[in-house]
Amino acid sequence: MTQGALKKSKSTAASSKRTNALGPKKGQRSIAPKKASLVKQRKITKKLTSGLITKTERNLAERAGHLELLAGGKKDKEKPKDKNAAKRK
């Protein structure tokens, strides 16, 4: 007896696995330090990095200010001067 063609089995979907449950979620999910010295160190580094970030953002805003892409450029600096002059009159 001859048999018909074999039916191809359906492939299982690979997306059914949960990869999110294994790893940490996106974003900063680190464990905070408990020792006083480490807490102090983290606080200082956070303060210094935030200062660096604001400086670089200011520099970028000044450079791209003429393109009017970012706030804080040359045109934003001129606007408050006009408002003060209008108040004086």
N, C-alpha and C. Protein backbone atom coordinates (compact mmCIF):
# COMPACT_ATOMS: atom_id res chain seq x y z
N MET A 1 0.83 -1.18 0.00
CA MET A 1 0.00 0.00 0.00
C MET A 1 0.87 1.25 0.00
N THR A 2 0.57 2.08 -0.93
CA THR A 2 1.34 3.32 -0.98
C THR A 2 0.67 4.36 -0.10
N GLN A 3 1.51 5.15 0.48
CA GLN A 3 1.00 6.20 1.35
C GLN A 3 1.13 7.55 0.66
N GLY A 4 0.30 8.48 1.08
CA GLY A 4 0.35 9.83 0.50
C GLY A 4 1.56 10.59 1.02
N ALA A 5 1.70 11.81 0.53
CA ALA A 5 2.82 12.65 0.96
C ALA A 5 2.71 12.97 2.44
N LEU A 6 3.85 13.04 3.10
CA LEU A 6 3.85 13.33 4.52
C LEU A 6 3.44 14.79 4.76
N LYS A 7 2.64 14.98 5.77
CA LYS A 7 2.22 16.33 6.11
C LYS A 7 3.32 17.01 6.92
N LYS A 8 3.61 18.24 6.57
CA LYS A 8 4.63 18.97 7.31
C LYS A 8 4.04 19.47 8.61
N SER A 9 4.77 19.24 9.69
CA SER A 9 4.27 19.68 10.98
C SER A 9 4.47 21.19 11.11
N LYS A 10 3.56 21.84 11.81
CA LYS A 10 3.64 23.28 12.00
C LYS A 10 4.78 23.60 12.97
N SER A 11 5.58 24.58 12.62
CA SER A 11 6.68 24.97 13.51
C SER A 11 6.10 25.79 14.66
N THR A 12 6.63 25.55 15.85
CA THR A 12 6.15 26.29 17.01
C THR A 12 6.71 27.70 16.96
N ALA A 13 5.95 28.64 17.41
CA ALA A 13 6.36 30.04 17.37
C ALA A 13 7.48 30.28 18.39
N ALA A 14 8.54 30.89 17.95
CA ALA A 14 9.67 31.15 18.84
C ALA A 14 9.38 32.32 19.77
N SER A 15 8.41 33.14 19.43
CA SER A 15 8.12 34.32 20.24
C SER A 15 7.33 33.98 21.50
N SER A 16 6.94 32.74 21.66
CA SER A 16 6.15 32.38 22.83
C SER A 16 7.00 32.31 24.09
N LYS A 17 8.34 32.26 23.94
CA LYS A 17 9.21 32.21 25.11
C LYS A 17 9.26 33.59 25.76
N ARG A 18 9.37 33.60 27.06
CA ARG A 18 9.42 34.86 27.80
C ARG A 18 10.87 35.22 28.09
N THR A 19 11.40 36.11 27.32
CA THR A 19 12.77 36.56 27.56
C THR A 19 12.78 37.72 28.56
N ASN A 20 11.68 38.44 28.67
CA ASN A 20 11.62 39.59 29.58
C ASN A 20 11.71 39.16 31.04
N ALA A 21 11.17 37.99 31.35
CA ALA A 21 11.16 37.54 32.74
C ALA A 21 12.56 37.18 33.22
N LEU A 22 13.44 36.81 32.29
CA LEU A 22 14.77 36.37 32.69
C LEU A 22 15.69 37.54 33.03
N GLY A 23 15.69 38.57 32.20
CA GLY A 23 16.61 39.68 32.40
C GLY A 23 15.95 40.84 33.12
N PRO A 24 16.74 41.86 33.49
CA PRO A 24 16.16 43.04 34.13
C PRO A 24 15.39 43.88 33.13
N LYS A 25 14.52 44.71 33.64
CA LYS A 25 13.73 45.59 32.78
C LYS A 25 14.62 46.71 32.25
N LYS A 26 14.14 47.39 31.23
CA LYS A 26 14.90 48.49 30.65
C LYS A 26 14.98 49.64 31.64
N GLY A 27 16.05 50.38 31.55
CA GLY A 27 16.23 51.52 32.43
C GLY A 27 17.14 51.17 33.60
N GLN A 28 17.35 52.14 34.46
CA GLN A 28 18.26 51.94 35.58
C GLN A 28 17.55 51.20 36.69
N ARG A 29 17.91 49.94 36.88
CA ARG A 29 17.31 49.12 37.92
C ARG A 29 18.42 48.49 38.75
N SER A 30 19.41 49.28 39.13
CA SER A 30 20.52 48.75 39.90
C SER A 30 20.20 48.84 41.39
N ILE A 31 20.86 48.00 42.15
CA ILE A 31 20.64 47.97 43.59
C ILE A 31 21.41 49.13 44.22
N ALA A 32 20.75 49.90 45.05
CA ALA A 32 21.37 51.05 45.68
C ALA A 32 22.38 50.58 46.72
N PRO A 33 23.50 51.30 46.89
CA PRO A 33 24.50 50.90 47.89
C PRO A 33 24.01 51.16 49.30
N LYS A 34 24.47 50.30 50.23
CA LYS A 34 24.04 50.43 51.62
C LYS A 34 25.12 51.08 52.50
N LYS A 35 26.39 50.89 52.15
CA LYS A 35 27.46 51.46 52.95
C LYS A 35 27.49 52.98 52.80
N ALA A 36 27.82 53.66 53.89
CA ALA A 36 27.81 55.12 53.89
C ALA A 36 28.81 55.70 52.90
N SER A 37 29.98 55.07 52.81
CA SER A 37 31.00 55.60 51.91
C SER A 37 30.57 55.46 50.45
N LEU A 38 29.90 54.35 50.13
CA LEU A 38 29.44 54.15 48.76
C LEU A 38 28.28 55.08 48.42
N VAL A 39 27.43 55.34 49.40
CA VAL A 39 26.31 56.27 49.19
C VAL A 39 26.85 57.66 48.90
N LYS A 40 27.86 58.07 49.67
CA LYS A 40 28.47 59.38 49.49
C LYS A 40 29.14 59.48 48.12
N GLN A 41 29.83 58.40 47.73
CA GLN A 41 30.52 58.38 46.44
C GLN A 41 29.53 58.48 45.30
N ARG A 42 28.42 57.76 45.39
CA ARG A 42 27.41 57.79 44.33
C ARG A 42 26.78 59.17 44.22
N LYS A 43 26.56 59.80 45.38
CA LYS A 43 25.97 61.14 45.38
C LYS A 43 26.89 62.15 44.69
N ILE A 44 28.19 62.04 44.96
CA ILE A 44 29.16 62.96 44.34
C ILE A 44 29.22 62.73 42.84
N THR A 45 29.28 61.46 42.43
CA THR A 45 29.38 61.17 40.99
C THR A 45 28.13 61.62 40.26
N LYS A 46 26.98 61.47 40.89
CA LYS A 46 25.73 61.92 40.26
C LYS A 46 25.74 63.43 40.06
N LYS A 47 26.23 64.14 41.07
CA LYS A 47 26.30 65.60 41.00
C LYS A 47 27.26 66.05 39.89
N LEU A 48 28.42 65.40 39.82
CA LEU A 48 29.42 65.78 38.82
C LEU A 48 28.96 65.45 37.41
N THR A 49 28.34 64.29 37.23
CA THR A 49 27.88 63.92 35.89
C THR A 49 26.75 64.82 35.43
N SER A 50 25.88 65.22 36.35
CA SER A 50 24.80 66.11 35.95
C SER A 50 25.35 67.46 35.52
N GLY A 51 26.41 67.92 36.19
CA GLY A 51 27.05 69.17 35.80
C GLY A 51 27.67 69.08 34.42
N LEU A 52 28.31 67.95 34.14
CA LEU A 52 28.91 67.76 32.81
C LEU A 52 27.85 67.71 31.73
N ILE A 53 26.74 67.06 32.02
CA ILE A 53 25.66 66.94 31.04
C ILE A 53 25.08 68.32 30.72
N THR A 54 24.87 69.14 31.75
CA THR A 54 24.31 70.47 31.49
C THR A 54 25.28 71.33 30.68
N LYS A 55 26.58 71.19 30.95
CA LYS A 55 27.57 71.96 30.18
C LYS A 55 27.56 71.55 28.71
N THR A 56 27.52 70.25 28.46
CA THR A 56 27.54 69.80 27.07
C THR A 56 26.26 70.19 26.36
N GLU A 57 25.13 70.14 27.06
CA GLU A 57 23.87 70.56 26.44
C GLU A 57 23.89 72.04 26.11
N ARG A 58 24.47 72.85 26.99
CA ARG A 58 24.58 74.28 26.73
C ARG A 58 25.45 74.56 25.51
N ASN A 59 26.58 73.84 25.45
CA ASN A 59 27.47 74.01 24.30
C ASN A 59 26.78 73.63 23.00
N LEU A 60 26.05 72.53 23.02
CA LEU A 60 25.33 72.11 21.82
C LEU A 60 24.26 73.13 21.45
N ALA A 61 23.59 73.67 22.45
CA ALA A 61 22.54 74.65 22.17
C ALA A 61 23.12 75.92 21.58
N GLU A 62 24.29 76.32 22.05
CA GLU A 62 24.93 77.52 21.50
C GLU A 62 25.36 77.29 20.06
N ARG A 63 25.91 76.11 19.79
CA ARG A 63 26.38 75.82 18.43
C ARG A 63 25.22 75.66 17.46
N ALA A 64 24.15 75.04 17.90
CA ALA A 64 23.02 74.79 17.01
C ALA A 64 21.93 75.84 17.19
N GLY A 65 22.21 76.91 17.92
CA GLY A 65 21.21 77.94 18.16
C GLY A 65 20.77 78.65 16.90
N HIS A 66 21.70 78.84 15.96
CA HIS A 66 21.34 79.52 14.72
C HIS A 66 20.46 78.64 13.84
N LEU A 67 20.44 77.35 14.11
CA LEU A 67 19.58 76.46 13.35
C LEU A 67 18.17 76.39 13.93
N GLU A 68 17.99 76.95 15.13
CA GLU A 68 16.72 76.96 15.84
C GLU A 68 16.20 75.55 16.12
N LEU A 69 17.13 74.63 16.34
CA LEU A 69 16.73 73.27 16.67
C LEU A 69 16.62 73.07 18.17
N LEU A 70 17.52 73.69 18.91
CA LEU A 70 17.56 73.50 20.35
C LEU A 70 17.31 74.83 21.06
N ALA A 71 16.68 74.77 22.22
CA ALA A 71 16.46 75.96 23.02
C ALA A 71 17.75 76.32 23.74
N GLY A 72 17.90 77.56 24.09
CA GLY A 72 19.08 78.01 24.80
C GLY A 72 20.15 78.59 23.91
N GLY A 73 19.81 78.86 22.66
CA GLY A 73 20.77 79.42 21.72
C GLY A 73 20.85 80.92 21.81
N LYS A 74 21.37 81.54 20.76
CA LYS A 74 21.56 82.98 20.74
C LYS A 74 20.24 83.73 20.75
N LYS A 75 19.25 83.22 20.02
CA LYS A 75 17.97 83.92 19.93
C LYS A 75 17.24 83.90 21.27
N ASP A 76 17.38 82.81 22.03
CA ASP A 76 16.75 82.75 23.34
C ASP A 76 17.39 83.73 24.31
N LYS A 77 18.68 84.00 24.14
CA LYS A 77 19.35 84.96 25.00
C LYS A 77 18.91 86.38 24.69
N GLU A 78 18.58 86.68 23.44
CA GLU A 78 18.19 88.02 23.04
C GLU A 78 16.76 88.36 23.47
N LYS A 79 15.90 87.40 23.56
CA LYS A 79 14.50 87.65 23.90
C LYS A 79 14.32 88.25 25.29
N PRO A 80 14.99 87.76 26.35
CA PRO A 80 14.80 88.39 27.67
C PRO A 80 15.27 89.84 27.71
N LYS A 81 16.27 90.20 26.92
CA LYS A 81 16.73 91.59 26.89
C LYS A 81 15.64 92.50 26.35
N ASP A 82 14.92 92.05 25.32
CA ASP A 82 13.85 92.85 24.75
C ASP A 82 12.71 93.04 25.75
N LYS A 83 12.42 92.03 26.52
CA LYS A 83 11.35 92.13 27.51
C LYS A 83 11.71 93.14 28.60
N ASN A 84 12.98 93.15 29.04
CA ASN A 84 13.41 94.10 30.06
C ASN A 84 13.37 95.52 29.52
N ALA A 85 13.71 95.71 28.26
CA ALA A 85 13.68 97.03 27.65
C ALA A 85 12.24 97.53 27.54
N ALA A 86 11.32 96.64 27.26
CA ALA A 86 9.91 97.03 27.14
C ALA A 86 9.35 97.42 28.51
N LYS A 87 9.82 96.78 29.57
CA LYS A 87 9.33 97.10 30.91
C LYS A 87 9.84 98.46 31.38
N ARG A 88 11.05 98.81 30.95
CA ARG A 88 11.63 100.09 31.36
C ARG A 88 10.90 101.28 30.76
N LYS A 89 10.38 101.12 29.54
CA LYS A 89 9.69 102.22 28.85
C LYS A 89 8.36 102.48 29.40
